[in-house]
């Protein structure tokens, strides 16, 4: 379910992202983002990742990869982009049929820790 929640997205992401996925919801900053097929696909990839790992392990892994990136000296954006979940989502967001052929735990291909 996609929910238009501009303040929520700004507060949770520090005004960094257009959307955030918190299973089972996708929150978007702009109403038009609900119709952005690439953005929605990106967030749906995150929904699948969250289903596979369950919520708490997903968020712990996500934060661990982010903090490892920061400890390596990456800035916020670089640390965010090196997270395996984000790498998978960005790599396949333009492929609107990706989730139909995606293998279980496919994000592991992008893990670099």
PDB file of N, CA and C in Angstrom:
ATOM      1  N   UNK A   1       0.841  -1.172   0.000  1.00  0.00           N
ATOM      2  CA  UNK A   1       0.000   0.000   0.000  1.00  0.00           C
ATOM      3  C   UNK A   1       0.890   1.241   0.000  1.00  0.00           C
ATOM      4  N   UNK A   2       0.626   2.159  -0.892  1.00  0.00           N
ATOM      5  CA  UNK A   2       1.408   3.388  -1.027  1.00  0.00           C
ATOM      6  C   UNK A   2       0.645   4.529  -0.354  1.00  0.00           C
ATOM      7  N   UNK A   3       1.313   5.230   0.541  1.00  0.00           N
ATOM      8  CA  UNK A   3       0.691   6.298   1.320  1.00  0.00           C
ATOM      9  C   UNK A   3       1.440   7.602   1.080  1.00  0.00           C
ATOM     10  N   UNK A   4       0.680   8.633   0.731  1.00  0.00           N
ATOM     11  CA  UNK A   4       1.260   9.965   0.576  1.00  0.00           C
ATOM     12  C   UNK A   4       1.426  10.559   1.978  1.00  0.00           C
ATOM     13  N   UNK A   5       2.663  10.752   2.409  1.00  0.00           N
ATOM     14  CA  UNK A   5       2.945  11.261   3.754  1.00  0.00           C
ATOM     15  C   UNK A   5       4.205  12.120   3.719  1.00  0.00           C
ATOM     16  N   UNK A   6       4.091  13.331   3.180  1.00  0.00           N
ATOM     17  CA  UNK A   6       5.285  14.160   2.977  1.00  0.00           C
ATOM     18  C   UNK A   6       6.063  14.462   4.258  1.00  0.00           C
ATOM     19  N   UNK A   7       5.396  14.822   5.321  1.00  0.00           N
ATOM     20  CA  UNK A   7       6.112  15.150   6.561  1.00  0.00           C
ATOM     21  C   UNK A   7       6.808  13.930   7.137  1.00  0.00           C
ATOM     22  N   UNK A   8       6.123  12.800   7.110  1.00  0.00           N
ATOM     23  CA  UNK A   8       6.694  11.564   7.641  1.00  0.00           C
ATOM     24  C   UNK A   8       7.972  11.207   6.891  1.00  0.00           C
ATOM     25  N   UNK A   9       7.934  11.259   5.569  1.00  0.00           N
ATOM     26  CA  UNK A   9       9.111  10.914   4.759  1.00  0.00           C
ATOM     27  C   UNK A   9      10.247  11.891   5.046  1.00  0.00           C
ATOM     28  N   UNK A  10       9.921  13.178   5.151  1.00  0.00           N
ATOM     29  CA  UNK A  10      10.973  14.171   5.430  1.00  0.00           C
ATOM     30  C   UNK A  10      11.610  13.942   6.797  1.00  0.00           C
ATOM     31  N   UNK A  11      10.786  13.678   7.809  1.00  0.00           N
ATOM     32  CA  UNK A  11      11.308  13.492   9.167  1.00  0.00           C
ATOM     33  C   UNK A  11      12.138  12.212   9.256  1.00  0.00           C
ATOM     34  N   UNK A  12      11.622  11.101   8.751  1.00  0.00           N
ATOM     35  CA  UNK A  12      12.305   9.810   8.858  1.00  0.00           C
ATOM     36  C   UNK A  12      13.605   9.794   8.044  1.00  0.00           C
ATOM     37  N   UNK A  13      13.603  10.420   6.886  1.00  0.00           N
ATOM     38  CA  UNK A  13      14.785  10.363   6.023  1.00  0.00           C
ATOM     39  C   UNK A  13      15.645  11.619   6.099  1.00  0.00           C
ATOM     40  N   UNK A  14      15.272  12.569   6.936  1.00  0.00           N
ATOM     41  CA  UNK A  14      16.037  13.817   6.997  1.00  0.00           C
ATOM     42  C   UNK A  14      15.939  14.588   5.695  1.00  0.00           C
ATOM     43  N   UNK A  15      14.800  14.486   5.044  1.00  0.00           N
ATOM     44  CA  UNK A  15      14.547  15.152   3.754  1.00  0.00           C
ATOM     45  C   UNK A  15      15.491  14.649   2.665  1.00  0.00           C
ATOM     46  N   UNK A  16      15.956  13.416   2.814  1.00  0.00           N
ATOM     47  CA  UNK A  16      16.932  12.826   1.893  1.00  0.00           C
ATOM     48  C   UNK A  16      16.260  12.047   0.763  1.00  0.00           C
ATOM     49  N   UNK A  17      15.158  11.362   1.064  1.00  0.00           N
ATOM     50  CA  UNK A  17      14.567  10.430   0.108  1.00  0.00           C
ATOM     51  C   UNK A  17      13.179  10.878  -0.338  1.00  0.00           C
ATOM     52  N   UNK A  18      12.787  10.357  -1.477  1.00  0.00           N
ATOM     53  CA  UNK A  18      11.432  10.600  -1.994  1.00  0.00           C
ATOM     54  C   UNK A  18      10.438   9.613  -1.420  1.00  0.00           C
ATOM     55  N   UNK A  19      10.939   8.484  -0.925  1.00  0.00           N
ATOM     56  CA  UNK A  19      10.055   7.445  -0.397  1.00  0.00           C
ATOM     57  C   UNK A  19      10.810   6.621   0.632  1.00  0.00           C
ATOM     58  N   UNK A  20      10.033   5.945   1.473  1.00  0.00           N
ATOM     59  CA  UNK A  20      10.605   5.010   2.428  1.00  0.00           C
ATOM     60  C   UNK A  20       9.644   3.836   2.566  1.00  0.00           C
ATOM     61  N   UNK A  21      10.210   2.652   2.653  1.00  0.00           N
ATOM     62  CA  UNK A  21       9.413   1.438   2.777  1.00  0.00           C
ATOM     63  C   UNK A  21       9.544   0.901   4.188  1.00  0.00           C
ATOM     64  N   UNK A  22       8.416   0.791   4.851  1.00  0.00           N
ATOM     65  CA  UNK A  22       8.330   0.189   6.177  1.00  0.00           C
ATOM     66  C   UNK A  22       7.212  -0.850   6.079  1.00  0.00           C
ATOM     67  N   UNK A  23       7.615  -2.078   5.887  1.00  0.00           N
ATOM     68  CA  UNK A  23       6.672  -3.154   5.577  1.00  0.00           C
ATOM     69  C   UNK A  23       5.434  -3.070   6.457  1.00  0.00           C
ATOM     70  N   UNK A  24       4.268  -3.146   5.859  1.00  0.00           N
ATOM     71  CA  UNK A  24       3.900  -3.404   4.473  1.00  0.00           C
ATOM     72  C   UNK A  24       3.572  -2.131   3.680  1.00  0.00           C
ATOM     73  N   UNK A  25       4.069  -0.996   4.141  1.00  0.00           N
ATOM     74  CA  UNK A  25       3.712   0.274   3.521  1.00  0.00           C
ATOM     75  C   UNK A  25       4.890   0.916   2.801  1.00  0.00           C
ATOM     76  N   UNK A  26       4.548   1.678   1.768  1.00  0.00           N
ATOM     77  CA  UNK A  26       5.504   2.550   1.091  1.00  0.00           C
ATOM     78  C   UNK A  26       4.973   3.962   1.298  1.00  0.00           C
ATOM     79  N   UNK A  27       5.791   4.808   1.901  1.00  0.00           N
ATOM     80  CA  UNK A  27       5.418   6.196   2.139  1.00  0.00           C
ATOM     81  C   UNK A  27       6.156   7.055   1.121  1.00  0.00           C
ATOM     82  N   UNK A  28       5.417   7.947   0.453  1.00  0.00           N
ATOM     83  CA  UNK A  28       6.014   8.816  -0.561  1.00  0.00           C
ATOM     84  C   UNK A  28       5.851  10.270  -0.162  1.00  0.00           C
ATOM     85  N   UNK A  29       6.792  11.088  -0.628  1.00  0.00           N
ATOM     86  CA  UNK A  29       6.797  12.507  -0.294  1.00  0.00           C
ATOM     87  C   UNK A  29       5.825  13.300  -1.164  1.00  0.00           C
ATOM     88  N   UNK A  30       5.737  12.950  -2.418  1.00  0.00           N
ATOM     89  CA  UNK A  30       4.875  13.676  -3.357  1.00  0.00           C
ATOM     90  C   UNK A  30       3.781  12.754  -3.878  1.00  0.00           C
ATOM     91  N   UNK A  31       2.590  13.290  -4.113  1.00  0.00           N
ATOM     92  CA  UNK A  31       1.497  12.478  -4.655  1.00  0.00           C
ATOM     93  C   UNK A  31       1.874  11.850  -5.987  1.00  0.00           C
ATOM     94  N   UNK A  32       2.592  12.608  -6.809  1.00  0.00           N
ATOM     95  CA  UNK A  32       2.981  12.105  -8.139  1.00  0.00           C
ATOM     96  C   UNK A  32       3.882  10.877  -8.035  1.00  0.00           C
ATOM     97  N   UNK A  33       4.595  10.737  -6.915  1.00  0.00           N
ATOM     98  CA  UNK A  33       5.487   9.593  -6.738  1.00  0.00           C
ATOM     99  C   UNK A  33       4.717   8.273  -6.677  1.00  0.00           C
ATOM    100  N   UNK A  34       3.449   8.323  -6.338  1.00  0.00           N
ATOM    101  CA  UNK A  34       2.633   7.100  -6.320  1.00  0.00           C
ATOM    102  C   UNK A  34       2.484   6.512  -7.724  1.00  0.00           C
ATOM    103  N   UNK A  35       2.643   7.365  -8.742  1.00  0.00           N
ATOM    104  CA  UNK A  35       2.503   6.937 -10.136  1.00  0.00           C
ATOM    105  C   UNK A  35       3.839   6.717 -10.834  1.00  0.00           C
ATOM    106  N   UNK A  36       4.931   6.948 -10.138  1.00  0.00           N
ATOM    107  CA  UNK A  36       6.266   6.776 -10.708  1.00  0.00           C
ATOM    108  C   UNK A  36       6.623   5.292 -10.664  1.00  0.00           C
ATOM    109  N   UNK A  37       6.518   4.619 -11.805  1.00  0.00           N
ATOM    110  CA  UNK A  37       6.691   3.164 -11.862  1.00  0.00           C
ATOM    111  C   UNK A  37       8.083   2.716 -11.416  1.00  0.00           C
ATOM    112  N   UNK A  38       9.092   3.485 -11.755  1.00  0.00           N
ATOM    113  CA  UNK A  38      10.460   3.116 -11.372  1.00  0.00           C
ATOM    114  C   UNK A  38      10.633   3.245  -9.859  1.00  0.00           C
ATOM    115  N   UNK A  39      10.175   4.350  -9.286  1.00  0.00           N
ATOM    116  CA  UNK A  39      10.260   4.538  -7.836  1.00  0.00           C
ATOM    117  C   UNK A  39       9.465   3.457  -7.096  1.00  0.00           C
ATOM    118  N   UNK A  40       8.264   3.191  -7.552  1.00  0.00           N
ATOM    119  CA  UNK A  40       7.428   2.169  -6.909  1.00  0.00           C
ATOM    120  C   UNK A  40       8.094   0.801  -7.024  1.00  0.00           C
ATOM    121  N   UNK A  41       8.696   0.498  -8.161  1.00  0.00           N
ATOM    122  CA  UNK A  41       9.394  -0.776  -8.318  1.00  0.00           C
ATOM    123  C   UNK A  41      10.580  -0.863  -7.352  1.00  0.00           C
ATOM    124  N   UNK A  42      11.324   0.220  -7.222  1.00  0.00           N
ATOM    125  CA  UNK A  42      12.448   0.276  -6.281  1.00  0.00           C
ATOM    126  C   UNK A  42      11.945  -0.062  -4.866  1.00  0.00           C
ATOM    127  N   UNK A  43      10.864   0.560  -4.477  1.00  0.00           N
ATOM    128  CA  UNK A  43      10.322   0.331  -3.130  1.00  0.00           C
ATOM    129  C   UNK A  43       9.736  -1.077  -2.994  1.00  0.00           C
ATOM    130  N   UNK A  44       9.158  -1.610  -4.063  1.00  0.00           N
ATOM    131  CA  UNK A  44       8.642  -2.982  -4.020  1.00  0.00           C
ATOM    132  C   UNK A  44       9.777  -4.000  -3.856  1.00  0.00           C
ATOM    133  N   UNK A  45      10.937  -3.687  -4.413  1.00  0.00           N
ATOM    134  CA  UNK A  45      12.104  -4.550  -4.208  1.00  0.00           C
ATOM    135  C   UNK A  45      12.450  -4.557  -2.716  1.00  0.00           C
ATOM    136  N   UNK A  46      12.390  -3.388  -2.086  1.00  0.00           N
ATOM    137  CA  UNK A  46      12.633  -3.328  -0.641  1.00  0.00           C
ATOM    138  C   UNK A  46      11.572  -4.113   0.139  1.00  0.00           C
ATOM    139  N   UNK A  47      10.338  -4.058  -0.316  1.00  0.00           N
ATOM    140  CA  UNK A  47       9.295  -4.855   0.359  1.00  0.00           C
ATOM    141  C   UNK A  47       9.642  -6.335   0.315  1.00  0.00           C
ATOM    142  N   UNK A  48      10.105  -6.811  -0.824  1.00  0.00           N
ATOM    143  CA  UNK A  48      10.478  -8.221  -0.951  1.00  0.00           C
ATOM    144  C   UNK A  48      11.661  -8.551  -0.036  1.00  0.00           C
ATOM    145  N   UNK A  49      12.638  -7.677  -0.005  1.00  0.00           N
ATOM    146  CA  UNK A  49      13.794  -7.883   0.872  1.00  0.00           C
ATOM    147  C   UNK A  49      13.347  -7.975   2.330  1.00  0.00           C
ATOM    148  N   UNK A  50      12.442  -7.100   2.710  1.00  0.00           N
ATOM    149  CA  UNK A  50      11.948  -7.088   4.088  1.00  0.00           C
ATOM    150  C   UNK A  50      11.150  -8.348   4.403  1.00  0.00           C
ATOM    151  N   UNK A  51      10.400  -8.838   3.445  1.00  0.00           N
ATOM    152  CA  UNK A  51       9.660 -10.096   3.634  1.00  0.00           C
ATOM    153  C   UNK A  51      10.624 -11.256   3.846  1.00  0.00           C
ATOM    154  N   UNK A  52      11.686 -11.295   3.070  1.00  0.00           N
ATOM    155  CA  UNK A  52      12.637 -12.402   3.143  1.00  0.00           C
ATOM    156  C   UNK A  52      13.371 -12.448   4.481  1.00  0.00           C
ATOM    157  N   UNK A  53      13.805 -11.296   4.946  1.00  0.00           N
ATOM    158  CA  UNK A  53      14.614 -11.257   6.170  1.00  0.00           C
ATOM    159  C   UNK A  53      13.787 -11.021   7.428  1.00  0.00           C
ATOM    160  N   UNK A  54      12.533 -10.721   7.233  1.00  0.00           N
ATOM    161  CA  UNK A  54      11.671 -10.270   8.326  1.00  0.00           C
ATOM    162  C   UNK A  54      12.154  -8.879   8.736  1.00  0.00           C
ATOM    163  N   UNK A  55      11.365  -8.185   9.458  1.00  0.00           N
ATOM    164  CA  UNK A  55      11.637  -6.761   9.644  1.00  0.00           C
ATOM    165  C   UNK A  55      12.872  -6.435  10.464  1.00  0.00           C
ATOM    166  N   UNK A  56      12.969  -6.965  11.647  1.00  0.00           N
ATOM    167  CA  UNK A  56      14.076  -6.588  12.533  1.00  0.00           C
ATOM    168  C   UNK A  56      15.433  -6.956  11.913  1.00  0.00           C
ATOM    169  N   UNK A  57      15.628  -8.189  11.436  1.00  0.00           N
ATOM    170  CA  UNK A  57      16.923  -8.488  10.796  1.00  0.00           C
ATOM    171  C   UNK A  57      17.220  -7.593   9.591  1.00  0.00           C
ATOM    172  N   UNK A  58      16.202  -7.259   8.800  1.00  0.00           N
ATOM    173  CA  UNK A  58      16.406  -6.373   7.655  1.00  0.00           C
ATOM    174  C   UNK A  58      16.959  -5.030   8.116  1.00  0.00           C
ATOM    175  N   UNK A  59      16.288  -4.420   9.079  1.00  0.00           N
ATOM    176  CA  UNK A  59      16.706  -3.082   9.513  1.00  0.00           C
ATOM    177  C   UNK A  59      18.057  -3.108  10.219  1.00  0.00           C
ATOM    178  N   UNK A  60      18.325  -4.154  10.988  1.00  0.00           N
ATOM    179  CA  UNK A  60      19.635  -4.268  11.636  1.00  0.00           C
ATOM    180  C   UNK A  60      20.746  -4.395  10.600  1.00  0.00           C
ATOM    181  N   UNK A  61      20.531  -5.242   9.589  1.00  0.00           N
ATOM    182  CA  UNK A  61      21.523  -5.428   8.521  1.00  0.00           C
ATOM    183  C   UNK A  61      21.712  -4.117   7.756  1.00  0.00           C
ATOM    184  N   UNK A  62      20.590  -3.453   7.434  1.00  0.00           N
ATOM    185  CA  UNK A  62      20.622  -2.186   6.705  1.00  0.00           C
ATOM    186  C   UNK A  62      21.478  -1.168   7.458  1.00  0.00           C
ATOM    187  N   UNK A  63      21.190  -1.012   8.756  1.00  0.00           N
ATOM    188  CA  UNK A  63      21.939  -0.052   9.562  1.00  0.00           C
ATOM    189  C   UNK A  63      23.397  -0.457   9.721  1.00  0.00           C
ATOM    190  N   UNK A  64      23.668  -1.734   9.885  1.00  0.00           N
ATOM    191  CA  UNK A  64      25.039  -2.213  10.001  1.00  0.00           C
ATOM    192  C   UNK A  64      25.841  -1.849   8.756  1.00  0.00           C
ATOM    193  N   UNK A  65      25.274  -2.117   7.579  1.00  0.00           N
ATOM    194  CA  UNK A  65      25.987  -1.779   6.338  1.00  0.00           C
ATOM    195  C   UNK A  65      26.196  -0.273   6.216  1.00  0.00           C
ATOM    196  N   UNK A  66      25.194   0.499   6.626  1.00  0.00           N
ATOM    197  CA  UNK A  66      25.331   1.960   6.573  1.00  0.00           C
ATOM    198  C   UNK A  66      26.474   2.415   7.483  1.00  0.00           C
ATOM    199  N   UNK A  67      26.497   1.933   8.734  1.00  0.00           N
ATOM    200  CA  UNK A  67      27.524   2.360   9.681  1.00  0.00           C
ATOM    201  C   UNK A  67      28.913   1.856   9.293  1.00  0.00           C
ATOM    202  N   UNK A  68      28.997   0.682   8.694  1.00  0.00           N
ATOM    203  CA  UNK A  68      30.286   0.198   8.182  1.00  0.00           C
ATOM    204  C   UNK A  68      30.783   1.164   7.105  1.00  0.00           C
ATOM    205  N   UNK A  69      29.895   1.585   6.237  1.00  0.00           N
ATOM    206  CA  UNK A  69      30.268   2.554   5.211  1.00  0.00           C
ATOM    207  C   UNK A  69      30.746   3.866   5.801  1.00  0.00           C
ATOM    208  N   UNK A  70      30.065   4.329   6.837  1.00  0.00           N
ATOM    209  CA  UNK A  70      30.484   5.578   7.487  1.00  0.00           C
ATOM    210  C   UNK A  70      31.849   5.414   8.147  1.00  0.00           C
ATOM    211  N   UNK A  71      32.084   4.243   8.758  1.00  0.00           N
ATOM    212  CA  UNK A  71      33.386   3.992   9.391  1.00  0.00           C
ATOM    213  C   UNK A  71      34.503   3.901   8.350  1.00  0.00           C
ATOM    214  N   UNK A  72      34.157   3.530   7.128  1.00  0.00           N
ATOM    215  CA  UNK A  72      35.149   3.492   6.042  1.00  0.00           C
ATOM    216  C   UNK A  72      35.438   4.888   5.507  1.00  0.00           C
ATOM    217  N   UNK A  73      34.726   5.889   6.015  1.00  0.00           N
ATOM    218  CA  UNK A  73      34.951   7.267   5.592  1.00  0.00           C
ATOM    219  C   UNK A  73      33.988   7.774   4.542  1.00  0.00           C
ATOM    220  N   UNK A  74      32.985   6.983   4.196  1.00  0.00           N
ATOM    221  CA  UNK A  74      32.003   7.433   3.215  1.00  0.00           C
ATOM    222  C   UNK A  74      31.115   8.515   3.823  1.00  0.00           C
ATOM    223  N   UNK A  75      30.699   9.460   2.990  1.00  0.00           N
ATOM    224  CA  UNK A  75      29.712  10.429   3.460  1.00  0.00           C
ATOM    225  C   UNK A  75      28.337   9.760   3.495  1.00  0.00           C
ATOM    226  N   UNK A  76      27.328  10.483   3.929  1.00  0.00           N
ATOM    227  CA  UNK A  76      25.989   9.900   4.081  1.00  0.00           C
ATOM    228  C   UNK A  76      25.498   9.250   2.785  1.00  0.00           C
ATOM    229  N   UNK A  77      25.594   9.993   1.695  1.00  0.00           N
ATOM    230  CA  UNK A  77      25.090   9.479   0.418  1.00  0.00           C
ATOM    231  C   UNK A  77      25.874   8.252  -0.033  1.00  0.00           C
ATOM    232  N   UNK A  78      27.189   8.292   0.074  1.00  0.00           N
ATOM    233  CA  UNK A  78      28.015   7.149  -0.332  1.00  0.00           C
ATOM    234  C   UNK A  78      27.718   5.920   0.526  1.00  0.00           C
ATOM    235  N   UNK A  79      27.577   6.116   1.831  1.00  0.00           N
ATOM    236  CA  UNK A  79      27.278   4.993   2.727  1.00  0.00           C
ATOM    237  C   UNK A  79      25.912   4.396   2.398  1.00  0.00           C
ATOM    238  N   UNK A  80      24.942   5.247   2.105  1.00  0.00           N
ATOM    239  CA  UNK A  80      23.602   4.798   1.723  1.00  0.00           C
ATOM    240  C   UNK A  80      23.660   3.987   0.430  1.00  0.00           C
ATOM    241  N   UNK A  81      24.399   4.484  -0.555  1.00  0.00           N
ATOM    242  CA  UNK A  81      24.443   3.811  -1.858  1.00  0.00           C
ATOM    243  C   UNK A  81      25.235   2.506  -1.834  1.00  0.00           C
ATOM    244  N   UNK A  82      26.090   2.285  -0.856  1.00  0.00           N
ATOM    245  CA  UNK A  82      26.841   1.036  -0.789  1.00  0.00           C
ATOM    246  C   UNK A  82      26.087  -0.062  -0.039  1.00  0.00           C
ATOM    247  N   UNK A  83      24.925   0.244   0.523  1.00  0.00           N
ATOM    248  CA  UNK A  83      24.122  -0.766   1.213  1.00  0.00           C
ATOM    249  C   UNK A  83      23.624  -1.772   0.169  1.00  0.00           C
ATOM    250  N   UNK A  84      23.792  -3.051   0.445  1.00  0.00           N
ATOM    251  CA  UNK A  84      23.446  -4.093  -0.534  1.00  0.00           C
ATOM    252  C   UNK A  84      21.986  -4.023  -0.964  1.00  0.00           C
ATOM    253  N   UNK A  85      21.088  -3.720  -0.051  1.00  0.00           N
ATOM    254  CA  UNK A  85      19.666  -3.625  -0.392  1.00  0.00           C
ATOM    255  C   UNK A  85      19.425  -2.500  -1.392  1.00  0.00           C
ATOM    256  N   UNK A  86      20.109  -1.391  -1.199  1.00  0.00           N
ATOM    257  CA  UNK A  86      19.966  -0.257  -2.119  1.00  0.00           C
ATOM    258  C   UNK A  86      20.618  -0.570  -3.464  1.00  0.00           C
ATOM    259  N   UNK A  87      21.745  -1.234  -3.442  1.00  0.00           N
ATOM    260  CA  UNK A  87      22.404  -1.567  -4.702  1.00  0.00           C
ATOM    261  C   UNK A  87      21.522  -2.459  -5.555  1.00  0.00           C
ATOM    262  N   UNK A  88      20.911  -3.465  -4.934  1.00  0.00           N
ATOM    263  CA  UNK A  88      20.004  -4.322  -5.700  1.00  0.00           C
ATOM    264  C   UNK A  88      18.828  -3.515  -6.239  1.00  0.00           C
ATOM    265  N   UNK A  89      18.226  -2.703  -5.389  1.00  0.00           N
ATOM    266  CA  UNK A  89      17.046  -1.938  -5.806  1.00  0.00           C
ATOM    267  C   UNK A  89      17.380  -0.956  -6.925  1.00  0.00           C
ATOM    268  N   UNK A  90      18.503  -0.254  -6.809  1.00  0.00           N
ATOM    269  CA  UNK A  90      18.889   0.681  -7.874  1.00  0.00           C
ATOM    270  C   UNK A  90      19.261  -0.058  -9.161  1.00  0.00           C
ATOM    271  N   UNK A  91      19.915  -1.192  -9.026  1.00  0.00           N
ATOM    272  CA  UNK A  91      20.326  -1.943 -10.215  1.00  0.00           C
ATOM    273  C   UNK A  91      19.139  -2.442 -11.023  1.00  0.00           C
ATOM    274  N   UNK A  92      18.013  -2.689 -10.372  1.00  0.00           N
ATOM    275  CA  UNK A  92      16.882  -3.329 -11.042  1.00  0.00           C
ATOM    276  C   UNK A  92      15.597  -2.508 -11.039  1.00  0.00           C
ATOM    277  N   UNK A  93      15.649  -1.280 -10.548  1.00  0.00           N
ATOM    278  CA  UNK A  93      14.428  -0.484 -10.448  1.00  0.00           C
ATOM    279  C   UNK A  93      13.784  -0.224 -11.814  1.00  0.00           C
ATOM    280  N   UNK A  94      14.573  -0.147 -12.852  1.00  0.00           N
ATOM    281  CA  UNK A  94      14.033   0.100 -14.189  1.00  0.00           C
ATOM    282  C   UNK A  94      13.455  -1.135 -14.860  1.00  0.00           C
ATOM    283  N   UNK A  95      13.708  -2.295 -14.298  1.00  0.00           N
ATOM    284  CA  UNK A  95      13.188  -3.551 -14.841  1.00  0.00           C
ATOM    285  C   UNK A  95      11.888  -3.878 -14.105  1.00  0.00           C
ATOM    286  N   UNK A  96      10.780  -3.504 -14.695  1.00  0.00           N
ATOM    287  CA  UNK A  96       9.489  -3.621 -14.010  1.00  0.00           C
ATOM    288  C   UNK A  96       9.016  -5.062 -13.849  1.00  0.00           C
ATOM    289  N   UNK A  97       9.722  -6.015 -14.445  1.00  0.00           N
ATOM    290  CA  UNK A  97       9.376  -7.430 -14.262  1.00  0.00           C
ATOM    291  C   UNK A  97      10.404  -8.155 -13.377  1.00  0.00           C
ATOM    292  N   UNK A  98      11.329  -7.409 -12.808  1.00  0.00           N
ATOM    293  CA  UNK A  98      12.410  -8.007 -12.014  1.00  0.00           C
ATOM    294  C   UNK A  98      11.902  -8.913 -10.897  1.00  0.00           C
ATOM    295  N   UNK A  99      10.905  -8.480 -10.180  1.00  0.00           N
ATOM    296  CA  UNK A  99      10.431  -9.267  -9.032  1.00  0.00           C
ATOM    297  C   UNK A  99       9.848 -10.619  -9.443  1.00  0.00           C
ATOM    298  N   UNK A 100       9.436 -10.739 -10.686  1.00  0.00           N
ATOM    299  CA  UNK A 100       8.900 -12.031 -11.158  1.00  0.00           C
ATOM    300  C   UNK A 100      10.005 -13.076 -11.310  1.00  0.00           C
ATOM    301  N   UNK A 101      11.221 -12.631 -11.621  1.00  0.00           N
ATOM    302  CA  UNK A 101      12.319 -13.585 -11.828  1.00  0.00           C
ATOM    303  C   UNK A 101      13.371 -13.516 -10.720  1.00  0.00           C
ATOM    304  N   UNK A 102      13.215 -12.616  -9.790  1.00  0.00           N
ATOM    305  CA  UNK A 102      14.216 -12.418  -8.730  1.00  0.00           C
ATOM    306  C   UNK A 102      14.383 -13.676  -7.889  1.00  0.00           C
ATOM    307  N   UNK A 103      15.632 -14.024  -7.634  1.00  0.00           N
ATOM    308  CA  UNK A 103      15.945 -15.177  -6.797  1.00  0.00           C
ATOM    309  C   UNK A 103      15.861 -14.796  -5.316  1.00  0.00           C
ATOM    310  N   UNK A 104      15.578 -15.766  -4.495  1.00  0.00           N
ATOM    311  CA  UNK A 104      15.489 -15.591  -3.055  1.00  0.00           C
ATOM    312  C   UNK A 104      16.824 -15.037  -2.519  1.00  0.00           C
ATOM    313  N   UNK A 105      16.735 -14.018  -1.680  1.00  0.00           N
ATOM    314  CA  UNK A 105      17.908 -13.377  -1.069  1.00  0.00           C
ATOM    315  C   UNK A 105      18.907 -12.837  -2.105  1.00  0.00           C
ATOM    316  N   UNK A 106      18.393 -12.336  -3.200  1.00  0.00           N
ATOM    317  CA  UNK A 106      19.238 -11.843  -4.298  1.00  0.00           C
ATOM    318  C   UNK A 106      20.149 -10.687  -3.884  1.00  0.00           C
ATOM    319  N   UNK A 107      19.800  -9.969  -2.849  1.00  0.00           N
ATOM    320  CA  UNK A 107      20.621  -8.843  -2.407  1.00  0.00           C
ATOM    321  C   UNK A 107      22.020  -9.292  -1.978  1.00  0.00           C
ATOM    322  N   UNK A 108      22.177 -10.571  -1.609  1.00  0.00           N
ATOM    323  CA  UNK A 108      23.479 -11.078  -1.138  1.00  0.00           C
ATOM    324  C   UNK A 108      24.576 -10.883  -2.163  1.00  0.00           C
ATOM    325  N   UNK A 109      24.204 -10.854  -3.415  1.00  0.00           N
ATOM    326  CA  UNK A 109      25.178 -10.630  -4.500  1.00  0.00           C
ATOM    327  C   UNK A 109      25.895  -9.290  -4.336  1.00  0.00           C
ATOM    328  N   UNK A 110      25.284  -8.344  -3.644  1.00  0.00           N
ATOM    329  CA  UNK A 110      25.814  -6.989  -3.517  1.00  0.00           C
ATOM    330  C   UNK A 110      26.514  -6.737  -2.185  1.00  0.00           C
ATOM    331  N   UNK A 111      26.522  -7.709  -1.291  1.00  0.00           N
ATOM    332  CA  UNK A 111      27.141  -7.530   0.034  1.00  0.00           C
ATOM    333  C   UNK A 111      28.649  -7.462  -0.110  1.00  0.00           C
ATOM    334  N   UNK A 112      29.269  -6.457   0.519  1.00  0.00           N
ATOM    335  CA  UNK A 112      30.716  -6.259   0.415  1.00  0.00           C
ATOM    336  C   UNK A 112      31.399  -6.229   1.778  1.00  0.00           C
ATOM    337  N   UNK A 113      30.696  -6.493   2.831  1.00  0.00           N
ATOM    338  CA  UNK A 113      31.295  -6.429   4.179  1.00  0.00           C
ATOM    339  C   UNK A 113      32.228  -7.592   4.404  1.00  0.00           C
TER     340      UNK A 113
END
